[in-house]
Structure formats: structure tokens, C-alpha cells
Amino acid sequence: MDRLGSIFNHPKKPVQIGFAGKAHPADDLGKHFIKKIFCVAMDPSFGGRLAFVEDYDEELAQYLVHGVDFWLNNPLPLLEASGTSGMKASINAVPSLSVLDGWWIEGHNGRNGWAFNGVQPSDLIVSDSQELYSIIEKEIVPIYYERDLAGIPCDWVTMMKESIKSIGPRFNSRRMVKEYILKFYQEIMRNSNAEALNQRAIDHVSSESCT
């Protein structure tokens, strides 16, 4: 927490992180985790630079995916969900910082954001947090605050453009529908037709036996 506070309260290059989300009504562990974040966000030593945004829904998500500077996503390895929020953020010129799991394994190219490997839960607190903080301190913050004579963060803008260019054409609804059809629906239809044929054959044999 001390190192996190030093990142947030850097005198010249401060960082703000906003959390948003909801826990399933039956997910007591998730509720506890959100409560912990909320309580930490109330700590005045962080100077208001850790925020929890309540009432997360589609409208709020729309503001987030095009209104933040970078998208932080750190699921436990092998437990990443679809990753559509990160995709939408990337298409809106928001670079991602994420564990190499799920879609980011394919999406990350080294020029459209940052990645770290992630570890198993037993080592999570020490390893992941240190790697995460190091990336923020040594890579993200310097690029974000570096400006040319006109005050433009050129390297950051380049990364924003790369995010749109690399993610938009590869992660979209057209691909989603195509892969659902080719990888799932066609196979289901083939299996369904095969079962129907088998059932008709069984019914035919049964009817002949009865006659």
C-alpha cells in the first residue's frame, strides 16, 4: 500500500485508478472484495486518486471505455472471461494493461499496450503487484507525461492509434458471428441431423418388427 500511495501521490506525475463493477448477488467473496476497494478508496492518504464508481451498467461502461487513458485488467490466469470491455476500450484508442490471458494473448502486439504473465493465486500478492507497479512506474507514466514542444504526448498518441488499428479489424461482431457459425452452430446442426437420421432408422426398424 505504501508503494501504491507513492505512485498515486507522485508530486509531478500522479496516477489515478478508477474501479467499477458489480458482484453477483450470490458472490459473497466478490462483495467483500468490492467493499475492501471502497474502504481503501476512502483513505485520505491517497488524495482521492483511487476511486470506486458505483452503479456500474452499460451506460457507465460506455463512458469508461472511451473516457479513460488506459484499461487495467488483471484476472487470475485461465479465468479471463470474454474480454469485450478491453476490446471496446482499445477500439476507442485506449491502450490496455492486462494479464496475458484470454483475448489479450492474441490482441497484444507490444505496441498497443502492456502485458504481464500473471501467476497462480498463492503467489499473486507479491509477484503480480510488483510487476504491475513496475510497469506503471517505469513504462506507462513516463510515456504518458512525456510531451513535445507543442505539449503533445507523441509516443502515447502513437500507441492510441496502434490500439485502434490492431484491435478494430480483428475483434469485432463480424468475426464473432462467423466463428460461432463455423465452430459451433454447424457442428451442432450436423450432430442434430445425425441424431434425427438415427432416430428415424430406429423407428423404421421398430415399425417393421411390429408388422
C-alpha atoms as a PDB file:
ATOM      1  CA  MET A   1       0.000   0.000   0.000  1.00  0.00           C
ATOM      2  CA  ASP A   2       2.919   2.354   0.649  1.00  0.00           C
ATOM      3  CA  ARG A   3       4.276   1.823  -2.847  1.00  0.00           C
ATOM      4  CA  LEU A   4       0.824   2.274  -4.328  1.00  0.00           C
ATOM      5  CA  GLY A   5       0.463   5.518  -2.410  1.00  0.00           C
ATOM      6  CA  SER A   6       3.779   6.783  -3.774  1.00  0.00           C
ATOM      7  CA  ILE A   7       2.549   6.093  -7.322  1.00  0.00           C
ATOM      8  CA  PHE A   8      -0.722   7.907  -6.742  1.00  0.00           C
ATOM      9  CA  ASN A   9       0.829  10.886  -4.984  1.00  0.00           C
ATOM     10  CA  HIS A  10       3.891  11.484  -7.130  1.00  0.00           C
ATOM     11  CA  PRO A  11       4.479  15.267  -6.946  1.00  0.00           C
ATOM     12  CA  LYS A  12       4.917  15.721 -10.701  1.00  0.00           C
ATOM     13  CA  LYS A  13       3.433  12.587 -12.295  1.00  0.00           C
ATOM     14  CA  PRO A  14       0.473  11.375 -10.230  1.00  0.00           C
ATOM     15  CA  VAL A  15      -1.708   8.439 -11.235  1.00  0.00           C
ATOM     16  CA  GLN A  16      -5.419   7.878 -10.679  1.00  0.00           C
ATOM     17  CA  ILE A  17      -7.100   4.466 -10.894  1.00  0.00           C
ATOM     18  CA  GLY A  18     -10.841   4.021 -11.050  1.00  0.00           C
ATOM     19  CA  PHE A  19     -12.598   0.743 -10.285  1.00  0.00           C
ATOM     20  CA  ALA A  20     -16.091  -0.105 -11.490  1.00  0.00           C
ATOM     21  CA  GLY A  21     -18.133  -3.263 -11.398  1.00  0.00           C
ATOM     22  CA  LYS A  22     -20.741  -5.313  -9.586  1.00  0.00           C
ATOM     23  CA  ALA A  23     -20.697  -8.627  -7.788  1.00  0.00           C
ATOM     24  CA  HIS A  24     -23.329 -11.285  -8.409  1.00  0.00           C
ATOM     25  CA  PRO A  25     -25.896 -11.295  -5.561  1.00  0.00           C
ATOM     26  CA  ALA A  26     -24.686 -14.760  -4.538  1.00  0.00           C
ATOM     27  CA  ASP A  27     -20.975 -13.889  -4.794  1.00  0.00           C
ATOM     28  CA  ASP A  28     -20.077 -13.063  -1.200  1.00  0.00           C
ATOM     29  CA  LEU A  29     -16.335 -13.091  -1.952  1.00  0.00           C
ATOM     30  CA  GLY A  30     -16.865 -10.590  -4.763  1.00  0.00           C
ATOM     31  CA  LYS A  31     -18.918  -8.345  -2.485  1.00  0.00           C
ATOM     32  CA  HIS A  32     -16.170  -8.455   0.130  1.00  0.00           C
ATOM     33  CA  PHE A  33     -13.550  -7.547  -2.493  1.00  0.00           C
ATOM     34  CA  ILE A  34     -15.560  -4.538  -3.691  1.00  0.00           C
ATOM     35  CA  LYS A  35     -16.105  -3.442  -0.090  1.00  0.00           C
ATOM     36  CA  LYS A  36     -12.354  -3.589   0.507  1.00  0.00           C
ATOM     37  CA  ILE A  37     -11.647  -1.438  -2.573  1.00  0.00           C
ATOM     38  CA  PHE A  38     -14.302   1.053  -1.480  1.00  0.00           C
ATOM     39  CA  CYS A  39     -12.797   1.334   2.011  1.00  0.00           C
ATOM     40  CA  VAL A  40      -9.284   1.843   0.617  1.00  0.00           C
ATOM     41  CA  ALA A  41     -10.622   4.492  -1.753  1.00  0.00           C
ATOM     42  CA  MET A  42     -11.843   6.417   1.292  1.00  0.00           C
ATOM     43  CA  ASP A  43      -8.292   6.591   2.690  1.00  0.00           C
ATOM     44  CA  PRO A  44      -7.344  10.295   2.613  1.00  0.00           C
ATOM     45  CA  SER A  45      -3.653   9.430   2.210  1.00  0.00           C
ATOM     46  CA  PHE A  46      -4.363   8.503  -1.409  1.00  0.00           C
ATOM     47  CA  GLY A  47      -5.616  12.008  -2.101  1.00  0.00           C
ATOM     48  CA  GLY A  48      -8.726  10.815  -3.906  1.00  0.00           C
ATOM     49  CA  ARG A  49      -6.685   9.136  -6.627  1.00  0.00           C
ATOM     50  CA  LEU A  50      -8.204   5.709  -6.026  1.00  0.00           C
ATOM     51  CA  ALA A  51     -11.873   5.814  -6.937  1.00  0.00           C
ATOM     52  CA  PHE A  52     -14.708   3.337  -6.961  1.00  0.00           C
ATOM     53  CA  VAL A  53     -17.515   4.206  -9.376  1.00  0.00           C
ATOM     54  CA  GLU A  54     -20.854   2.857  -8.203  1.00  0.00           C
ATOM     55  CA  ASP A  55     -23.890   1.595 -10.155  1.00  0.00           C
ATOM     56  CA  TYR A  56     -21.903   0.044 -12.991  1.00  0.00           C
ATOM     57  CA  ASP A  57     -24.091  -0.588 -16.048  1.00  0.00           C
ATOM     58  CA  GLU A  58     -23.929  -0.362 -19.847  1.00  0.00           C
ATOM     59  CA  GLU A  59     -24.258   3.422 -19.872  1.00  0.00           C
ATOM     60  CA  LEU A  60     -21.425   3.888 -17.394  1.00  0.00           C
ATOM     61  CA  ALA A  61     -19.308   1.333 -19.257  1.00  0.00           C
ATOM     62  CA  GLN A  62     -19.762   3.371 -22.439  1.00  0.00           C
ATOM     63  CA  TYR A  63     -18.293   6.423 -20.721  1.00  0.00           C
ATOM     64  CA  LEU A  64     -15.414   4.420 -19.286  1.00  0.00           C
ATOM     65  CA  VAL A  65     -14.273   2.689 -22.473  1.00  0.00           C
ATOM     66  CA  HIS A  66     -13.764   5.990 -24.280  1.00  0.00           C
ATOM     67  CA  GLY A  67     -13.001   8.256 -21.349  1.00  0.00           C
ATOM     68  CA  VAL A  68     -10.005   6.688 -19.591  1.00  0.00           C
ATOM     69  CA  ASP A  69      -6.321   6.824 -20.547  1.00  0.00           C
ATOM     70  CA  PHE A  70      -5.543   3.121 -20.218  1.00  0.00           C
ATOM     71  CA  TRP A  71      -7.525  -0.008 -19.387  1.00  0.00           C
ATOM     72  CA  LEU A  72      -6.332  -2.114 -16.454  1.00  0.00           C
ATOM     73  CA  ASN A  73      -7.386  -5.763 -16.392  1.00  0.00           C
ATOM     74  CA  ASN A  74      -5.762  -8.331 -14.139  1.00  0.00           C
ATOM     75  CA  PRO A  75      -7.784 -11.545 -13.874  1.00  0.00           C
ATOM     76  CA  LEU A  76      -6.338 -14.723 -12.452  1.00  0.00           C
ATOM     77  CA  PRO A  77      -4.702 -16.675 -15.306  1.00  0.00           C
ATOM     78  CA  LEU A  78      -7.045 -19.058 -17.128  1.00  0.00           C
ATOM     79  CA  LEU A  79     -10.090 -17.347 -15.595  1.00  0.00           C
ATOM     80  CA  GLU A  80     -10.447 -14.443 -18.026  1.00  0.00           C
ATOM     81  CA  ALA A  81     -13.959 -14.034 -19.373  1.00  0.00           C
ATOM     82  CA  SER A  82     -14.718 -12.762 -22.884  1.00  0.00           C
ATOM     83  CA  GLY A  83     -12.679  -9.566 -22.534  1.00  0.00           C
ATOM     84  CA  THR A  84     -15.131  -7.469 -24.535  1.00  0.00           C
ATOM     85  CA  SER A  85     -14.656  -4.413 -22.313  1.00  0.00           C
ATOM     86  CA  GLY A  86     -10.953  -4.293 -23.110  1.00  0.00           C
ATOM     87  CA  MET A  87     -11.696  -4.748 -26.805  1.00  0.00           C
ATOM     88  CA  LYS A  88     -14.156  -1.847 -26.779  1.00  0.00           C
ATOM     89  CA  ALA A  89     -11.678   0.327 -24.910  1.00  0.00           C
ATOM     90  CA  SER A  90      -8.931  -0.477 -27.427  1.00  0.00           C
ATOM     91  CA  ILE A  91     -11.188   0.403 -30.361  1.00  0.00           C
ATOM     92  CA  ASN A  92     -11.761   3.740 -28.604  1.00  0.00           C
ATOM     93  CA  ALA A  93      -7.980   4.404 -28.599  1.00  0.00           C
ATOM     94  CA  VAL A  94      -7.437   3.228 -25.016  1.00  0.00           C
ATOM     95  CA  PRO A  95      -4.285   1.078 -24.583  1.00  0.00           C
ATOM     96  CA  SER A  96      -4.618  -1.895 -22.240  1.00  0.00           C
ATOM     97  CA  LEU A  97      -2.533  -3.148 -19.352  1.00  0.00           C
ATOM     98  CA  SER A  98      -3.559  -6.741 -18.831  1.00  0.00           C
ATOM     99  CA  VAL A  99      -2.518 -10.217 -17.814  1.00  0.00           C
ATOM    100  CA  LEU A 100      -1.625 -12.412 -20.788  1.00  0.00           C
ATOM    101  CA  ASP A 101      -4.794 -14.440 -20.623  1.00  0.00           C
ATOM    102  CA  GLY A 102      -7.893 -14.667 -22.776  1.00  0.00           C
ATOM    103  CA  TRP A 103      -8.123 -12.325 -25.755  1.00  0.00           C
ATOM    104  CA  TRP A 104      -5.064 -10.250 -24.794  1.00  0.00           C
ATOM    105  CA  ILE A 105      -2.746 -13.154 -25.690  1.00  0.00           C
ATOM    106  CA  GLU A 106      -3.821 -12.648 -29.283  1.00  0.00           C
ATOM    107  CA  GLY A 107      -4.504  -8.919 -29.116  1.00  0.00           C
ATOM    108  CA  HIS A 108      -1.278  -7.634 -27.545  1.00  0.00           C
ATOM    109  CA  ASN A 109       1.477  -6.852 -30.056  1.00  0.00           C
ATOM    110  CA  GLY A 110       3.877  -4.848 -27.870  1.00  0.00           C
ATOM    111  CA  ARG A 111       2.829  -1.533 -29.403  1.00  0.00           C
ATOM    112  CA  ASN A 112      -0.820  -1.242 -28.357  1.00  0.00           C
ATOM    113  CA  GLY A 113      -0.448  -1.632 -24.600  1.00  0.00           C
ATOM    114  CA  TRP A 114       1.342  -3.567 -21.886  1.00  0.00           C
ATOM    115  CA  ALA A 115       1.209  -7.130 -20.621  1.00  0.00           C
ATOM    116  CA  PHE A 116       2.435  -9.284 -17.764  1.00  0.00           C
ATOM    117  CA  ASN A 117       2.219 -13.034 -17.338  1.00  0.00           C
ATOM    118  CA  GLY A 118       0.332 -13.330 -14.085  1.00  0.00           C
ATOM    119  CA  VAL A 119       0.843 -16.079 -11.534  1.00  0.00           C
ATOM    120  CA  GLN A 120      -1.169 -18.559  -9.552  1.00  0.00           C
ATOM    121  CA  PRO A 121      -3.213 -17.268  -6.577  1.00  0.00           C
ATOM    122  CA  SER A 122      -0.689 -18.434  -3.957  1.00  0.00           C
ATOM    123  CA  ASP A 123       1.943 -16.036  -5.324  1.00  0.00           C
ATOM    124  CA  LEU A 124      -0.433 -13.355  -6.560  1.00  0.00           C
ATOM    125  CA  ILE A 125       0.015 -10.654  -3.938  1.00  0.00           C
ATOM    126  CA  VAL A 126       3.797 -10.427  -4.124  1.00  0.00           C
ATOM    127  CA  SER A 127       4.588 -11.161  -7.760  1.00  0.00           C
ATOM    128  CA  ASP A 128       1.708  -9.629  -9.683  1.00  0.00           C
ATOM    129  CA  SER A 129       1.533  -6.424  -7.675  1.00  0.00           C
ATOM    130  CA  GLN A 130       5.272  -5.756  -8.015  1.00  0.00           C
ATOM    131  CA  GLU A 131       5.193  -6.363 -11.768  1.00  0.00           C
ATOM    132  CA  LEU A 132       2.072  -4.266 -12.146  1.00  0.00           C
ATOM    133  CA  TYR A 133       3.527  -1.346 -10.194  1.00  0.00           C
ATOM    134  CA  SER A 134       6.813  -1.535 -12.094  1.00  0.00           C
ATOM    135  CA  ILE A 135       5.031  -1.332 -15.457  1.00  0.00           C
ATOM    136  CA  ILE A 136       3.032   1.681 -14.300  1.00  0.00           C
ATOM    137  CA  GLU A 137       6.070   3.458 -12.843  1.00  0.00           C
ATOM    138  CA  LYS A 138       8.691   2.665 -15.480  1.00  0.00           C
ATOM    139  CA  GLU A 139       6.684   2.415 -18.713  1.00  0.00           C
ATOM    140  CA  ILE A 140       3.186   3.900 -18.576  1.00  0.00           C
ATOM    141  CA  VAL A 141       3.797   7.044 -16.528  1.00  0.00           C
ATOM    142  CA  PRO A 142       6.934   8.194 -18.431  1.00  0.00           C
ATOM    143  CA  ILE A 143       5.248   7.798 -21.833  1.00  0.00           C
ATOM    144  CA  TYR A 144       2.026   9.453 -20.681  1.00  0.00           C
ATOM    145  CA  TYR A 145       3.723  12.532 -19.231  1.00  0.00           C
ATOM    146  CA  GLU A 146       6.360  12.990 -21.934  1.00  0.00           C
ATOM    147  CA  ARG A 147       5.443  15.946 -24.165  1.00  0.00           C
ATOM    148  CA  ASP A 148       6.940  17.594 -27.212  1.00  0.00           C
ATOM    149  CA  LEU A 149       7.363  21.362 -27.560  1.00  0.00           C
ATOM    150  CA  ALA A 150       3.714  21.706 -28.515  1.00  0.00           C
ATOM    151  CA  GLY A 151       2.638  19.822 -25.396  1.00  0.00           C
ATOM    152  CA  ILE A 152       1.590  16.670 -27.256  1.00  0.00           C
ATOM    153  CA  PRO A 153       2.439  13.193 -25.857  1.00  0.00           C
ATOM    154  CA  CYS A 154       3.560  11.846 -29.238  1.00  0.00           C
ATOM    155  CA  ASP A 155       4.528   8.333 -28.111  1.00  0.00           C
ATOM    156  CA  TRP A 156       1.247   7.964 -26.253  1.00  0.00           C
ATOM    157  CA  VAL A 157      -0.758   9.119 -29.269  1.00  0.00           C
ATOM    158  CA  THR A 158       1.134   6.614 -31.423  1.00  0.00           C
ATOM    159  CA  MET A 159       0.104   3.862 -29.032  1.00  0.00           C
ATOM    160  CA  MET A 160      -3.513   5.062 -29.135  1.00  0.00           C
ATOM    161  CA  LYS A 161      -3.506   4.869 -32.938  1.00  0.00           C
ATOM    162  CA  GLU A 162      -1.914   1.416 -32.862  1.00  0.00           C
ATOM    163  CA  SER A 163      -4.617   0.291 -30.460  1.00  0.00           C
ATOM    164  CA  ILE A 164      -7.367   1.239 -32.920  1.00  0.00           C
ATOM    165  CA  LYS A 165      -5.513  -0.142 -35.931  1.00  0.00           C
ATOM    166  CA  SER A 166      -4.586  -3.502 -34.410  1.00  0.00           C
ATOM    167  CA  ILE A 167      -7.736  -4.324 -32.443  1.00  0.00           C
ATOM    168  CA  GLY A 168     -10.624  -2.976 -34.526  1.00  0.00           C
ATOM    169  CA  PRO A 169     -10.202  -5.205 -37.592  1.00  0.00           C
ATOM    170  CA  ARG A 170      -9.528  -8.380 -35.571  1.00  0.00           C
ATOM    171  CA  PHE A 171     -12.042  -8.214 -32.730  1.00  0.00           C
ATOM    172  CA  ASN A 172     -15.492  -7.307 -33.992  1.00  0.00           C
ATOM    173  CA  SER A 173     -19.036  -8.608 -34.304  1.00  0.00           C
ATOM    174  CA  ARG A 174     -18.446  -9.933 -37.832  1.00  0.00           C
ATOM    175  CA  ARG A 175     -15.709 -12.249 -36.583  1.00  0.00           C
ATOM    176  CA  MET A 176     -17.821 -13.268 -33.590  1.00  0.00           C
ATOM    177  CA  VAL A 177     -20.793 -14.327 -35.723  1.00  0.00           C
ATOM    178  CA  LYS A 178     -18.545 -16.078 -38.261  1.00  0.00           C
ATOM    179  CA  GLU A 179     -16.732 -18.120 -35.613  1.00  0.00           C
ATOM    180  CA  TYR A 180     -19.950 -19.031 -33.830  1.00  0.00           C
ATOM    181  CA  ILE A 181     -21.339 -20.366 -37.113  1.00  0.00           C
ATOM    182  CA  LEU A 182     -18.224 -22.215 -38.277  1.00  0.00           C
ATOM    183  CA  LYS A 183     -17.035 -23.563 -34.929  1.00  0.00           C
ATOM    184  CA  PHE A 184     -20.286 -24.214 -33.090  1.00  0.00           C
ATOM    185  CA  TYR A 185     -23.591 -23.881 -34.953  1.00  0.00           C
ATOM    186  CA  GLN A 186     -22.574 -26.014 -37.958  1.00  0.00           C
ATOM    187  CA  GLU A 187     -21.306 -28.776 -35.687  1.00  0.00           C
ATOM    188  CA  ILE A 188     -24.490 -28.664 -33.618  1.00  0.00           C
ATOM    189  CA  MET A 189     -26.602 -28.894 -36.788  1.00  0.00           C
ATOM    190  CA  ARG A 190     -24.571 -31.848 -38.082  1.00  0.00           C
ATOM    191  CA  ASN A 191     -24.947 -33.672 -34.779  1.00  0.00           C
ATOM    192  CA  SER A 192     -28.633 -32.849 -34.653  1.00  0.00           C
ATOM    193  CA  ASN A 193     -29.192 -34.137 -38.198  1.00  0.00           C
ATOM    194  CA  ALA A 194     -27.237 -37.318 -37.441  1.00  0.00           C
ATOM    195  CA  GLU A 195     -29.342 -37.947 -34.348  1.00  0.00           C
ATOM    196  CA  ALA A 196     -32.533 -37.361 -36.340  1.00  0.00           C
ATOM    197  CA  LEU A 197     -31.434 -39.858 -39.009  1.00  0.00           C
ATOM    198  CA  ASN A 198     -30.538 -42.430 -36.387  1.00  0.00           C
ATOM    199  CA  GLN A 199     -33.892 -41.964 -34.690  1.00  0.00           C
ATOM    200  CA  ARG A 200     -35.757 -42.397 -37.988  1.00  0.00           C
ATOM    201  CA  ALA A 201     -33.785 -45.559 -38.680  1.00  0.00           C
ATOM    202  CA  ILE A 202     -34.659 -46.913 -35.229  1.00  0.00           C
ATOM    203  CA  ASP A 203     -38.324 -46.033 -35.710  1.00  0.00           C
ATOM    204  CA  HIS A 204     -38.302 -47.739 -39.122  1.00  0.00           C
ATOM    205  CA  VAL A 205     -36.810 -50.940 -37.717  1.00  0.00           C
ATOM    206  CA  SER A 206     -39.288 -50.868 -34.864  1.00  0.00           C
ATOM    207  CA  SER A 207     -42.247 -50.492 -37.213  1.00  0.00           C
ATOM    208  CA  GLU A 208     -41.046 -53.418 -39.374  1.00  0.00           C
ATOM    209  CA  SER A 209     -40.685 -55.574 -36.288  1.00  0.00           C
ATOM    210  CA  CYS A 210     -44.245 -54.804 -35.293  1.00  0.00           C
ATOM    211  CA  THR A 211     -45.615 -55.784 -38.723  1.00  0.00           C
END
